[in-house]
C-alpha atoms as a PDB file:
ATOM      1  CA  MET A   1     -17.974  48.455 -26.119  1.00  0.00           C
ATOM      2  CA  LYS A   2     -19.300  45.492 -28.055  1.00  0.00           C
ATOM      3  CA  LYS A   3     -15.788  44.733 -29.386  1.00  0.00           C
ATOM      4  CA  SER A   4     -14.403  44.891 -25.835  1.00  0.00           C
ATOM      5  CA  LEU A   5     -16.981  42.394 -24.619  1.00  0.00           C
ATOM      6  CA  ILE A   6     -16.144  40.052 -27.483  1.00  0.00           C
ATOM      7  CA  ALA A   7     -12.427  40.340 -26.698  1.00  0.00           C
ATOM      8  CA  LEU A   8     -13.046  39.552 -23.012  1.00  0.00           C
ATOM      9  CA  ALA A   9     -15.155  36.553 -23.971  1.00  0.00           C
ATOM     10  CA  VAL A  10     -12.369  35.237 -26.221  1.00  0.00           C
ATOM     11  CA  LEU A  11      -9.771  35.702 -23.459  1.00  0.00           C
ATOM     12  CA  ALA A  12     -12.020  33.925 -20.953  1.00  0.00           C
ATOM     13  CA  SER A  13     -12.491  30.982 -23.292  1.00  0.00           C
ATOM     14  CA  VAL A  14      -8.731  30.738 -23.916  1.00  0.00           C
ATOM     15  CA  ALA A  15      -8.069  30.831 -20.160  1.00  0.00           C
ATOM     16  CA  GLY A  16     -10.646  28.103 -19.652  1.00  0.00           C
ATOM     17  CA  VAL A  17      -8.943  25.897 -22.249  1.00  0.00           C
ATOM     18  CA  ALA A  18      -5.537  26.503 -20.639  1.00  0.00           C
ATOM     19  CA  GLN A  19      -6.945  25.614 -17.234  1.00  0.00           C
ATOM     20  CA  ALA A  20      -8.489  22.437 -18.617  1.00  0.00           C
ATOM     21  CA  GLN A  21      -5.158  21.454 -20.191  1.00  0.00           C
ATOM     22  CA  SER A  22      -3.247  21.897 -16.920  1.00  0.00           C
ATOM     23  CA  ALA A  23      -4.930  20.557 -13.767  1.00  0.00           C
ATOM     24  CA  VAL A  24      -3.586  20.439 -10.204  1.00  0.00           C
ATOM     25  CA  THR A  25      -5.287  18.428  -7.455  1.00  0.00           C
ATOM     26  CA  ILE A  26      -4.817  19.004  -3.731  1.00  0.00           C
ATOM     27  CA  TYR A  27      -5.462  15.852  -1.729  1.00  0.00           C
ATOM     28  CA  GLY A  28      -4.780  14.495   1.722  1.00  0.00           C
ATOM     29  CA  LYS A  29      -5.600  12.281   4.661  1.00  0.00           C
ATOM     30  CA  LEU A  30      -6.027  12.940   8.377  1.00  0.00           C
ATOM     31  CA  ASP A  31      -5.791   9.905  10.631  1.00  0.00           C
ATOM     32  CA  LEU A  32      -5.720   9.841  14.402  1.00  0.00           C
ATOM     33  CA  GLY A  33      -6.552   7.315  17.090  1.00  0.00           C
ATOM     34  CA  ILE A  34      -5.581   5.760  20.398  1.00  0.00           C
ATOM     35  CA  THR A  35      -3.369   2.670  20.714  1.00  0.00           C
ATOM     36  CA  LYS A  36      -2.481   0.469  23.660  1.00  0.00           C
ATOM     37  CA  LEU A  37       0.096  -2.341  23.938  1.00  0.00           C
ATOM     38  CA  THR A  38       0.023  -5.174  26.473  1.00  0.00           C
ATOM     39  CA  GLY A  39       2.237  -8.194  27.093  1.00  0.00           C
ATOM     40  CA  ASP A  40       6.038  -8.384  27.142  1.00  0.00           C
ATOM     41  CA  THR A  41       6.448  -4.686  26.439  1.00  0.00           C
ATOM     42  CA  THR A  42       9.277  -4.142  28.941  1.00  0.00           C
ATOM     43  CA  ALA A  43      11.404  -6.951  27.501  1.00  0.00           C
ATOM     44  CA  LEU A  44      10.948  -5.512  24.016  1.00  0.00           C
ATOM     45  CA  GLY A  45      11.508  -1.897  25.044  1.00  0.00           C
ATOM     46  CA  LEU A  46       7.993  -0.779  24.108  1.00  0.00           C
ATOM     47  CA  ASN A  47       5.702   1.801  25.694  1.00  0.00           C
ATOM     48  CA  ASN A  48       2.746   0.058  27.346  1.00  0.00           C
ATOM     49  CA  GLY A  49       0.783   3.238  28.040  1.00  0.00           C
ATOM     50  CA  ALA A  50      -2.129   4.494  25.966  1.00  0.00           C
ATOM     51  CA  GLN A  51      -0.847   6.691  23.139  1.00  0.00           C
ATOM     52  CA  MET A  52      -2.417   8.953  20.571  1.00  0.00           C
ATOM     53  CA  GLN A  53      -1.155   7.586  17.271  1.00  0.00           C
ATOM     54  CA  ALA A  54      -2.280   7.236  13.685  1.00  0.00           C
ATOM     55  CA  ASN A  55      -3.110   4.023  11.889  1.00  0.00           C
ATOM     56  CA  HIS A  56      -1.807   5.683   8.723  1.00  0.00           C
ATOM     57  CA  ALA A  57       0.490   8.682   8.412  1.00  0.00           C
ATOM     58  CA  SER A  58      -1.508  11.854   7.815  1.00  0.00           C
ATOM     59  CA  ARG A  59      -0.581  13.627   4.603  1.00  0.00           C
ATOM     60  CA  ILE A  60      -1.195  16.480   2.214  1.00  0.00           C
ATOM     61  CA  GLY A  61      -0.129  16.382  -1.396  1.00  0.00           C
ATOM     62  CA  PHE A  62      -0.305  17.992  -4.797  1.00  0.00           C
ATOM     63  CA  LYS A  63      -0.520  16.158  -8.092  1.00  0.00           C
ATOM     64  CA  GLY A  64      -1.296  17.218 -11.591  1.00  0.00           C
ATOM     65  CA  ALA A  65      -0.925  16.838 -15.316  1.00  0.00           C
ATOM     66  CA  GLU A  66      -0.378  19.185 -18.235  1.00  0.00           C
ATOM     67  CA  ASP A  67      -1.550  18.309 -21.724  1.00  0.00           C
ATOM     68  CA  LEU A  68       1.441  18.827 -24.022  1.00  0.00           C
ATOM     69  CA  GLY A  69      -0.445  17.823 -27.160  1.00  0.00           C
ATOM     70  CA  GLY A  70      -0.086  14.812 -29.380  1.00  0.00           C
ATOM     71  CA  GLY A  71      -1.226  12.469 -26.611  1.00  0.00           C
ATOM     72  CA  LEU A  72       1.687  13.470 -24.347  1.00  0.00           C
ATOM     73  CA  SER A  73       1.260  14.787 -20.786  1.00  0.00           C
ATOM     74  CA  ALA A  74       3.631  16.074 -18.131  1.00  0.00           C
ATOM     75  CA  ILE A  75       2.800  14.689 -14.671  1.00  0.00           C
ATOM     76  CA  PHE A  76       3.977  15.389 -11.127  1.00  0.00           C
ATOM     77  CA  GLN A  77       3.253  14.574  -7.494  1.00  0.00           C
ATOM     78  CA  VAL A  78       4.646  15.831  -4.166  1.00  0.00           C
ATOM     79  CA  GLU A  79       3.399  14.532  -0.811  1.00  0.00           C
ATOM     80  CA  ASN A  80       4.181  15.597   2.744  1.00  0.00           C
ATOM     81  CA  ARG A  81       3.493  13.163   5.580  1.00  0.00           C
ATOM     82  CA  PHE A  82       3.073  14.311   9.168  1.00  0.00           C
ATOM     83  CA  ASN A  83       1.930  13.252  12.627  1.00  0.00           C
ATOM     84  CA  ALA A  84      -1.549  14.649  13.251  1.00  0.00           C
ATOM     85  CA  ASP A  85      -1.220  14.405  17.047  1.00  0.00           C
ATOM     86  CA  THR A  86       1.800  16.746  17.219  1.00  0.00           C
ATOM     87  CA  GLY A  87       1.973  18.443  13.828  1.00  0.00           C
ATOM     88  CA  THR A  88       5.543  17.243  13.334  1.00  0.00           C
ATOM     89  CA  GLN A  89       6.590  15.740  10.033  1.00  0.00           C
ATOM     90  CA  ALA A  90       6.814  11.966   9.689  1.00  0.00           C
ATOM     91  CA  GLY A  91      10.371  10.810   9.023  1.00  0.00           C
ATOM     92  CA  ASN A  92      13.343  13.023   8.274  1.00  0.00           C
ATOM     93  CA  SER A  93      12.127  14.441   4.956  1.00  0.00           C
ATOM     94  CA  LEU A  94       9.731  17.288   4.250  1.00  0.00           C
ATOM     95  CA  PHE A  95       8.188  15.187   1.475  1.00  0.00           C
ATOM     96  CA  SER A  96       8.394  11.594   2.694  1.00  0.00           C
ATOM     97  CA  GLY A  97       5.609  10.416   0.401  1.00  0.00           C
ATOM     98  CA  PRO A  98       6.003  10.041  -3.371  1.00  0.00           C
ATOM     99  CA  VAL A  99       7.788  12.954  -5.075  1.00  0.00           C
ATOM    100  CA  PHE A 100       8.249  12.700  -8.827  1.00  0.00           C
ATOM    101  CA  VAL A 101       7.959  14.373 -12.212  1.00  0.00           C
ATOM    102  CA  GLY A 102       7.436  12.510 -15.451  1.00  0.00           C
ATOM    103  CA  LEU A 103       5.814  12.029 -18.828  1.00  0.00           C
ATOM    104  CA  ALA A 104       2.818   9.921 -19.832  1.00  0.00           C
ATOM    105  CA  GLY A 105       1.545   8.940 -23.249  1.00  0.00           C
ATOM    106  CA  GLY A 106       0.680   6.056 -25.509  1.00  0.00           C
ATOM    107  CA  PHE A 107       4.093   4.554 -24.795  1.00  0.00           C
ATOM    108  CA  GLY A 108       3.336   4.276 -21.077  1.00  0.00           C
ATOM    109  CA  THR A 109       4.549   6.407 -18.158  1.00  0.00           C
ATOM    110  CA  VAL A 110       8.003   7.436 -16.937  1.00  0.00           C
ATOM    111  CA  LYS A 111       8.498   8.871 -13.424  1.00  0.00           C
ATOM    112  CA  MET A 112      11.703  10.274 -11.917  1.00  0.00           C
ATOM    113  CA  GLY A 113      12.282  10.949  -8.214  1.00  0.00           C
ATOM    114  CA  ARG A 114      11.134   9.356  -4.964  1.00  0.00           C
ATOM    115  CA  ASN A 115       8.655   6.705  -5.986  1.00  0.00           C
ATOM    116  CA  TRP A 116       6.889   3.540  -4.904  1.00  0.00           C
ATOM    117  CA  SER A 117       9.059   0.423  -4.896  1.00  0.00           C
ATOM    118  CA  THR A 118       8.279  -1.681  -7.951  1.00  0.00           C
ATOM    119  CA  ILE A 119       8.540  -4.944  -6.005  1.00  0.00           C
ATOM    120  CA  ASP A 120       6.364  -3.819  -3.111  1.00  0.00           C
ATOM    121  CA  SER A 121       3.704  -2.148  -5.260  1.00  0.00           C
ATOM    122  CA  VAL A 122       2.988  -5.286  -7.315  1.00  0.00           C
ATOM    123  CA  SER A 123       3.194  -7.728  -4.390  1.00  0.00           C
ATOM    124  CA  THR A 124       2.482  -7.271  -0.667  1.00  0.00           C
ATOM    125  CA  ALA A 125       1.182  -3.686  -0.920  1.00  0.00           C
ATOM    126  CA  ALA A 126      -1.444  -4.853  -3.400  1.00  0.00           C
ATOM    127  CA  ILE A 127      -2.963  -7.417  -1.013  1.00  0.00           C
ATOM    128  CA  ASP A 128      -2.412  -5.980   2.503  1.00  0.00           C
ATOM    129  CA  PRO A 129      -5.876  -5.097   3.891  1.00  0.00           C
ATOM    130  CA  PHE A 130      -4.226  -2.907   6.561  1.00  0.00           C
ATOM    131  CA  GLU A 131      -2.120  -0.999   3.982  1.00  0.00           C
ATOM    132  CA  GLY A 132       1.134  -1.721   5.821  1.00  0.00           C
ATOM    133  CA  ASP A 133       0.554   0.762   8.642  1.00  0.00           C
ATOM    134  CA  GLY A 134      -0.571   0.837  12.245  1.00  0.00           C
ATOM    135  CA  ILE A 135      -0.493  -1.925  14.825  1.00  0.00           C
ATOM    136  CA  ALA A 136      -2.145  -4.370  12.409  1.00  0.00           C
ATOM    137  CA  GLY A 137      -0.013  -3.611   9.331  1.00  0.00           C
ATOM    138  CA  LEU A 138       1.827  -6.528   7.755  1.00  0.00           C
ATOM    139  CA  ASN A 139       5.565  -6.981   7.889  1.00  0.00           C
ATOM    140  CA  VAL A 140       7.516  -7.035   4.621  1.00  0.00           C
ATOM    141  CA  VAL A 141      11.152  -7.387   3.588  1.00  0.00           C
ATOM    142  CA  THR A 142      10.816  -4.907   0.732  1.00  0.00           C
ATOM    143  CA  ARG A 143      10.900  -1.119   0.824  1.00  0.00           C
ATOM    144  CA  ALA A 144       7.731   0.922   0.265  1.00  0.00           C
ATOM    145  CA  ARG A 145       9.273   4.037  -1.332  1.00  0.00           C
ATOM    146  CA  ILE A 146      12.758   4.544  -2.769  1.00  0.00           C
ATOM    147  CA  ASN A 147      14.759   7.698  -3.517  1.00  0.00           C
ATOM    148  CA  ASN A 148      16.526   8.542  -6.784  1.00  0.00           C
ATOM    149  CA  THR A 149      14.540   6.266  -9.068  1.00  0.00           C
ATOM    150  CA  VAL A 150      13.574   6.193 -12.725  1.00  0.00           C
ATOM    151  CA  THR A 151      10.498   4.016 -13.213  1.00  0.00           C
ATOM    152  CA  TYR A 152       8.782   2.972 -16.436  1.00  0.00           C
ATOM    153  CA  TYR A 153       5.185   1.698 -16.461  1.00  0.00           C
ATOM    154  CA  THR A 154       3.819  -0.101 -19.514  1.00  0.00           C
ATOM    155  CA  PRO A 155       0.329   0.701 -20.797  1.00  0.00           C
ATOM    156  CA  GLU A 156      -2.281  -1.649 -19.349  1.00  0.00           C
ATOM    157  CA  MET A 157      -3.321  -4.331 -21.833  1.00  0.00           C
ATOM    158  CA  SER A 158      -6.322  -6.549 -20.971  1.00  0.00           C
ATOM    159  CA  GLY A 159      -5.463  -6.361 -17.281  1.00  0.00           C
ATOM    160  CA  PHE A 160      -1.718  -6.931 -17.741  1.00  0.00           C
ATOM    161  CA  GLY A 161       0.834  -4.327 -16.682  1.00  0.00           C
ATOM    162  CA  GLY A 162       4.562  -4.105 -16.093  1.00  0.00           C
ATOM    163  CA  GLN A 163       7.183  -1.915 -14.423  1.00  0.00           C
ATOM    164  CA  ALA A 164      10.940  -1.458 -14.648  1.00  0.00           C
ATOM    165  CA  GLN A 165      12.800   0.596 -12.039  1.00  0.00           C
ATOM    166  CA  TYR A 166      16.408   1.784 -11.784  1.00  0.00           C
ATOM    167  CA  ILE A 167      17.779   3.092  -8.477  1.00  0.00           C
ATOM    168  CA  MET A 168      20.701   5.517  -8.361  1.00  0.00           C
ATOM    169  CA  GLY A 169      22.093   5.165  -4.849  1.00  0.00           C
ATOM    170  CA  GLU A 170      23.974   8.478  -4.772  1.00  0.00           C
ATOM    171  CA  LYS A 171      25.690   7.438  -1.557  1.00  0.00           C
ATOM    172  CA  PRO A 172      27.729  10.371  -0.174  1.00  0.00           C
ATOM    173  CA  ALA A 173      31.432  10.340   0.642  1.00  0.00           C
ATOM    174  CA  GLY A 174      32.731   6.860   1.333  1.00  0.00           C
ATOM    175  CA  ALA A 175      31.228   5.001  -1.610  1.00  0.00           C
ATOM    176  CA  ILE A 176      33.832   2.615  -2.971  1.00  0.00           C
ATOM    177  CA  ALA A 177      32.625   2.492  -6.544  1.00  0.00           C
ATOM    178  CA  SER A 178      29.551   2.282  -8.693  1.00  0.00           C
ATOM    179  CA  GLY A 179      27.695  -0.857  -7.699  1.00  0.00           C
ATOM    180  CA  THR A 180      28.455  -0.456  -3.992  1.00  0.00           C
ATOM    181  CA  ASP A 181      26.538   2.759  -3.310  1.00  0.00           C
ATOM    182  CA  ASN A 182      22.938   1.499  -3.040  1.00  0.00           C
ATOM    183  CA  ASP A 183      22.455   1.249  -6.793  1.00  0.00           C
ATOM    184  CA  GLY A 184      19.798  -1.205  -7.862  1.00  0.00           C
ATOM    185  CA  TYR A 185      17.088  -2.238 -10.270  1.00  0.00           C
ATOM    186  CA  ALA A 186      13.743  -4.016 -10.182  1.00  0.00           C
ATOM    187  CA  VAL A 187      11.128  -5.379 -12.562  1.00  0.00           C
ATOM    188  CA  GLY A 188       7.525  -6.250 -11.846  1.00  0.00           C
ATOM    189  CA  VAL A 189       4.460  -7.605 -13.629  1.00  0.00           C
ATOM    190  CA  ASN A 190       0.839  -7.793 -12.567  1.00  0.00           C
ATOM    191  CA  TYR A 191      -2.552  -8.935 -13.786  1.00  0.00           C
ATOM    192  CA  ASN A 192      -5.645  -7.171 -12.455  1.00  0.00           C
ATOM    193  CA  ASN A 193      -8.906  -8.132 -14.085  1.00  0.00           C
ATOM    194  CA  GLY A 194     -12.263  -8.581 -12.383  1.00  0.00           C
ATOM    195  CA  PRO A 195     -11.968 -10.711  -9.246  1.00  0.00           C
ATOM    196  CA  ILE A 196      -8.386 -11.829  -9.921  1.00  0.00           C
ATOM    197  CA  TYR A 197      -5.130 -10.099  -9.001  1.00  0.00           C
ATOM    198  CA  LEU A 198      -1.663 -11.594  -9.564  1.00  0.00           C
ATOM    199  CA  GLY A 199       1.678  -9.852  -9.109  1.00  0.00           C
ATOM    200  CA  ALA A 200       5.386 -10.686  -9.080  1.00  0.00           C
ATOM    201  CA  GLY A 201       8.585  -8.682  -8.761  1.00  0.00           C
ATOM    202  CA  TYR A 202      12.354  -9.162  -8.645  1.00  0.00           C
ATOM    203  CA  GLY A 203      15.124  -6.733  -7.811  1.00  0.00           C
ATOM    204  CA  VAL A 204      18.754  -6.250  -6.806  1.00  0.00           C
ATOM    205  CA  GLU A 205      20.232  -3.603  -4.490  1.00  0.00           C
ATOM    206  CA  GLU A 206      23.975  -3.230  -3.936  1.00  0.00           C
ATOM    207  CA  ASN A 207      25.777  -1.564  -1.048  1.00  0.00           C
ATOM    208  CA  THR A 208      28.513  -3.211   1.043  1.00  0.00           C
ATOM    209  CA  ASP A 209      26.644  -6.415   0.227  1.00  0.00           C
ATOM    210  CA  LYS A 210      24.202  -7.420  -2.469  1.00  0.00           C
ATOM    211  CA  SER A 211      20.496  -7.928  -1.822  1.00  0.00           C
ATOM    212  CA  ASN A 212      18.382 -10.105  -4.076  1.00  0.00           C
ATOM    213  CA  ILE A 213      14.684  -9.479  -3.488  1.00  0.00           C
ATOM    214  CA  TRP A 214      11.697 -11.189  -5.027  1.00  0.00           C
ATOM    215  CA  ALA A 215       8.014 -11.339  -4.219  1.00  0.00           C
ATOM    216  CA  VAL A 216       4.768 -12.871  -5.479  1.00  0.00           C
ATOM    217  CA  SER A 217       1.167 -12.267  -4.467  1.00  0.00           C
ATOM    218  CA  GLY A 218      -2.367 -12.968  -5.533  1.00  0.00           C
ATOM    219  CA  SER A 219      -5.949 -12.367  -4.492  1.00  0.00           C
ATOM    220  CA  TYR A 220      -9.390 -13.547  -5.509  1.00  0.00           C
ATOM    221  CA  ALA A 221     -12.720 -11.855  -4.762  1.00  0.00           C
ATOM    222  CA  PHE A 222     -16.011 -13.735  -4.625  1.00  0.00           C
ATOM    223  CA  GLY A 223     -19.146 -11.917  -3.560  1.00  0.00           C
ATOM    224  CA  PRO A 224     -18.419  -9.811  -0.469  1.00  0.00           C
ATOM    225  CA  ALA A 225     -15.260 -11.790   0.381  1.00  0.00           C
ATOM    226  CA  LYS A 226     -11.659 -11.609  -0.805  1.00  0.00           C
ATOM    227  CA  ILE A 227      -8.743 -13.899   0.033  1.00  0.00           C
ATOM    228  CA  ALA A 228      -5.066 -13.183  -0.626  1.00  0.00           C
ATOM    229  CA  LEU A 229      -1.694 -14.932  -0.417  1.00  0.00           C
ATOM    230  CA  GLY A 230       1.784 -13.444  -0.627  1.00  0.00           C
ATOM    231  CA  TYR A 231       5.456 -14.337  -0.257  1.00  0.00           C
ATOM    232  CA  ASP A 232       8.528 -12.130  -0.356  1.00  0.00           C
ATOM    233  CA  GLN A 233      12.208 -12.852   0.264  1.00  0.00           C
ATOM    234  CA  ARG A 234      15.397 -10.855   0.682  1.00  0.00           C
ATOM    235  CA  GLU A 235      18.778 -12.590   0.529  1.00  0.00           C
ATOM    236  CA  ASN A 236      21.980 -10.684   1.137  1.00  0.00           C
ATOM    237  CA  LYS A 237      25.231 -11.797  -0.475  1.00  0.00           C
ATOM    238  CA  ALA A 238      28.710 -10.369  -0.645  1.00  0.00           C
ATOM    239  CA  ILE A 239      29.506  -8.250  -3.702  1.00  0.00           C
ATOM    240  CA  GLY A 240      30.330 -10.800  -6.371  1.00  0.00           C
ATOM    241  CA  GLY A 241      27.298 -12.930  -5.562  1.00  0.00           C
ATOM    242  CA  ILE A 242      28.750 -15.360  -2.982  1.00  0.00           C
ATOM    243  CA  ARG A 243      26.551 -16.129   0.003  1.00  0.00           C
ATOM    244  CA  THR A 244      28.260 -14.896   3.190  1.00  0.00           C
ATOM    245  CA  PRO A 245      27.468 -16.563   6.559  1.00  0.00           C
ATOM    246  CA  GLY A 246      25.816 -14.117   8.939  1.00  0.00           C
ATOM    247  CA  LEU A 247      24.207 -11.974   6.267  1.00  0.00           C
ATOM    248  CA  PRO A 248      20.414 -12.015   6.444  1.00  0.00           C
ATOM    249  CA  LYS A 249      18.091 -14.138   4.389  1.00  0.00           C
ATOM    250  CA  ALA A 250      14.548 -13.221   5.331  1.00  0.00           C
ATOM    251  CA  LYS A 251      11.439 -15.050   4.189  1.00  0.00           C
ATOM    252  CA  ASN A 252       7.982 -13.588   4.654  1.00  0.00           C
ATOM    253  CA  TRP A 253       4.569 -15.256   4.229  1.00  0.00           C
ATOM    254  CA  VAL A 254       1.178 -13.524   4.206  1.00  0.00           C
ATOM    255  CA  VAL A 255      -2.372 -14.881   4.296  1.00  0.00           C
ATOM    256  CA  ALA A 256      -5.087 -12.222   4.332  1.00  0.00           C
ATOM    257  CA  GLY A 257      -8.777 -11.733   3.764  1.00  0.00           C
ATOM    258  CA  THR A 258     -11.608  -9.199   3.873  1.00  0.00           C
ATOM    259  CA  TYR A 259     -15.390  -9.438   4.099  1.00  0.00           C
ATOM    260  CA  GLU A 260     -17.839  -6.621   3.328  1.00  0.00           C
ATOM    261  CA  VAL A 261     -20.718  -6.188   5.784  1.00  0.00           C
ATOM    262  CA  GLY A 262     -23.037  -3.336   4.818  1.00  0.00           C
ATOM    263  CA  ALA A 263     -21.033  -0.133   5.258  1.00  0.00           C
ATOM    264  CA  GLY A 264     -18.256  -2.024   7.024  1.00  0.00           C
ATOM    265  CA  LEU A 265     -15.237  -4.128   6.134  1.00  0.00           C
ATOM    266  CA  ILE A 266     -13.882  -6.964   8.293  1.00  0.00           C
ATOM    267  CA  LYS A 267     -10.126  -7.528   7.859  1.00  0.00           C
ATOM    268  CA  ALA A 268      -7.841 -10.362   8.933  1.00  0.00           C
ATOM    269  CA  ALA A 269      -4.259 -11.383   8.200  1.00  0.00           C
ATOM    270  CA  TYR A 270      -1.562 -13.780   9.356  1.00  0.00           C
ATOM    271  CA  ASN A 271       2.053 -12.806   8.748  1.00  0.00           C
ATOM    272  CA  ARG A 272       5.181 -14.929   9.392  1.00  0.00           C
ATOM    273  CA  THR A 273       8.725 -13.684   8.894  1.00  0.00           C
ATOM    274  CA  LYS A 274      11.713 -15.964   9.360  1.00  0.00           C
ATOM    275  CA  ASP A 275      15.343 -14.884   9.300  1.00  0.00           C
ATOM    276  CA  GLY A 276      18.525 -16.762  10.064  1.00  0.00           C
ATOM    277  CA  ALA A 277      20.598 -13.714  10.948  1.00  0.00           C
ATOM    278  CA  ASP A 278      20.524  -9.949  11.522  1.00  0.00           C
ATOM    279  CA  ASN A 279      16.965  -8.759  10.986  1.00  0.00           C
ATOM    280  CA  THR A 280      17.859  -5.164  10.173  1.00  0.00           C
ATOM    281  CA  LEU A 281      17.787  -6.384   6.572  1.00  0.00           C
ATOM    282  CA  ASN A 282      20.317  -4.031   5.043  1.00  0.00           C
ATOM    283  CA  GLY A 283      18.706  -0.943   6.511  1.00  0.00           C
ATOM    284  CA  VAL A 284      15.137  -2.012   5.801  1.00  0.00           C
ATOM    285  CA  PRO A 285      13.706  -2.681   9.285  1.00  0.00           C
ATOM    286  CA  GLY A 286      10.003  -2.935   8.480  1.00  0.00           C
ATOM    287  CA  PRO A 287       7.190  -2.110  10.908  1.00  0.00           C
ATOM    288  CA  VAL A 288       7.756  -4.951  13.400  1.00  0.00           C
ATOM    289  CA  PHE A 289      11.561  -5.116  13.558  1.00  0.00           C
ATOM    290  CA  ILE A 290      12.075  -3.230  16.789  1.00  0.00           C
ATOM    291  CA  GLY A 291      15.213  -2.758  18.827  1.00  0.00           C
ATOM    292  CA  GLY A 292      16.690  -6.215  18.413  1.00  0.00           C
ATOM    293  CA  THR A 293      17.450  -9.290  16.370  1.00  0.00           C
ATOM    294  CA  PHE A 294      14.874 -12.053  15.966  1.00  0.00           C
ATOM    295  CA  ASP A 295      14.852 -15.431  14.250  1.00  0.00           C
ATOM    296  CA  LYS A 296      11.118 -15.434  13.670  1.00  0.00           C
ATOM    297  CA  ILE A 297       8.209 -13.013  13.920  1.00  0.00           C
ATOM    298  CA  GLU A 298       4.574 -14.129  13.746  1.00  0.00           C
ATOM    299  CA  LYS A 299       1.677 -11.702  13.611  1.00  0.00           C
ATOM    300  CA  LEU A 300      -2.089 -12.183  13.640  1.00  0.00           C
ATOM    301  CA  SER A 301      -4.172  -9.088  12.849  1.00  0.00           C
ATOM    302  CA  ILE A 302      -7.935  -8.541  12.930  1.00  0.00           C
ATOM    303  CA  GLY A 303      -9.708  -5.273  12.195  1.00  0.00           C
ATOM    304  CA  TYR A 304     -12.985  -3.609  11.333  1.00  0.00           C
ATOM    305  CA  GLN A 305     -13.484  -0.470   9.239  1.00  0.00           C
ATOM    306  CA  HIS A 306     -16.852   1.300   9.235  1.00  0.00           C
ATOM    307  CA  ASN A 307     -17.399   3.794   6.424  1.00  0.00           C
ATOM    308  CA  LEU A 308     -19.426   6.792   7.547  1.00  0.00           C
ATOM    309  CA  SER A 309     -19.141   8.257   4.031  1.00  0.00           C
ATOM    310  CA  LYS A 310     -16.921   7.912   0.977  1.00  0.00           C
ATOM    311  CA  ARG A 311     -14.311  10.046   2.736  1.00  0.00           C
ATOM    312  CA  THR A 312     -14.640   9.324   6.464  1.00  0.00           C
ATOM    313  CA  SER A 313     -14.312   6.027   8.323  1.00  0.00           C
ATOM    314  CA  LEU A 314     -13.868   4.627  11.824  1.00  0.00           C
ATOM    315  CA  TYR A 315     -11.553   1.702  12.526  1.00  0.00           C
ATOM    316  CA  ALA A 316     -10.794  -0.780  15.304  1.00  0.00           C
ATOM    317  CA  ASP A 317      -7.784  -3.111  15.104  1.00  0.00           C
ATOM    318  CA  VAL A 318      -6.174  -5.729  17.304  1.00  0.00           C
ATOM    319  CA  ALA A 319      -2.914  -7.543  16.573  1.00  0.00           C
ATOM    320  CA  ARG A 320      -0.828 -10.094  18.445  1.00  0.00           C
ATOM    321  CA  THR A 321       2.854 -10.370  17.546  1.00  0.00           C
ATOM    322  CA  LYS A 322       5.255 -13.057  18.763  1.00  0.00           C
ATOM    323  CA  TYR A 323       9.011 -12.409  18.566  1.00  0.00           C
ATOM    324  CA  THR A 324      11.324 -15.431  18.789  1.00  0.00           C
ATOM    325  CA  LEU A 325      15.101 -15.541  19.265  1.00  0.00           C
ATOM    326  CA  THR A 326      16.527 -19.089  19.480  1.00  0.00           C
ATOM    327  CA  SER A 327      14.405 -20.738  22.211  1.00  0.00           C
ATOM    328  CA  ASN A 328      13.166 -17.512  23.816  1.00  0.00           C
ATOM    329  CA  SER A 329      10.040 -15.652  22.743  1.00  0.00           C
ATOM    330  CA  ASN A 330       8.104 -12.543  23.726  1.00  0.00           C
ATOM    331  CA  SER A 331       4.586 -11.559  22.703  1.00  0.00           C
ATOM    332  CA  VAL A 332       2.783  -8.241  22.477  1.00  0.00           C
ATOM    333  CA  THR A 333      -0.891  -7.506  21.826  1.00  0.00           C
ATOM    334  CA  GLY A 334      -1.867  -4.134  20.410  1.00  0.00           C
ATOM    335  CA  PHE A 335      -5.268  -2.434  20.298  1.00  0.00           C
ATOM    336  CA  GLY A 336      -6.191   0.580  18.198  1.00  0.00           C
ATOM    337  CA  LEU A 337      -9.263   2.790  17.692  1.00  0.00           C
ATOM    338  CA  GLY A 338      -9.387   5.780  15.387  1.00  0.00           C
ATOM    339  CA  VAL A 339     -10.888   7.853  12.601  1.00  0.00           C
ATOM    340  CA  THR A 340      -9.672   8.553   9.062  1.00  0.00           C
ATOM    341  CA  HIS A 341     -10.794  11.419   6.815  1.00  0.00           C
ATOM    342  CA  ASN A 342      -9.704  11.693   3.181  1.00  0.00           C
ATOM    343  CA  PHE A 343      -9.963  14.850   1.118  1.00  0.00           C
END
């Protein structure tokens, strides 16, 4: 009997070690609120009735790591995004959030799959106080997440970090040749130390035309306040690198700031996007490119987030967006109230 108890104790300790070496985390977010648009909604084809919508897509995900020994770990993440008001999935994919598997060690980290865009993650996404979503989210000319990527992250050294990303377009039937099937690459660097953040990225994507994308951003925190500036640009050229009239060249400016007030956070941002041609931007519409072509889009966003706990918060946002085409312009004001719970 004593030997049996010893054996069970040994097995339990081994199981505990195995569990410690391989950990899986379930996480998620539920976000739901009410939004209302006023202004030139009819001209822009927008719904002006009150709607139940989320400021951020609700999600549930799984991520984990397995200790392989020798300082090497296997890592993974899969994330489903859905609409909390209807239960339907957000987008056309079951897992529209990040989905990757990779290895991490002293050399850095390598991830393969659907991952965050290198350019966006080191630039606008790092300074947007509204996290790119909802009626107040900032417009960008970069993509947030990209399929079929291999991304390398350097180890962080005194606040400095870097990324390199390769995109395999894998366009289905109809691709002319390699280089015209949404292949691409991107590199990014950032510095994040104390109150200072600086980031820059550059990339190329090739389909029927060639997109050159670059972005820079920075922020500085002092006391309860933080200010941020950002600029990103996408220029489309014909394959071969020659600028073709009519292809889009979009420029995007961002000025943003936050101010902590007790358990709350005041947010504000001004966003200006200018484009001389088709604003669909090679299939990258962005949150404010809706149902048409515009020469210029200006957006002013103000919001307040009140933290009830570390996991639950209330928010109130208002944003005014002006859409201009040649000499004509239309404006819309949006209001949003909601609650977010993280787990």
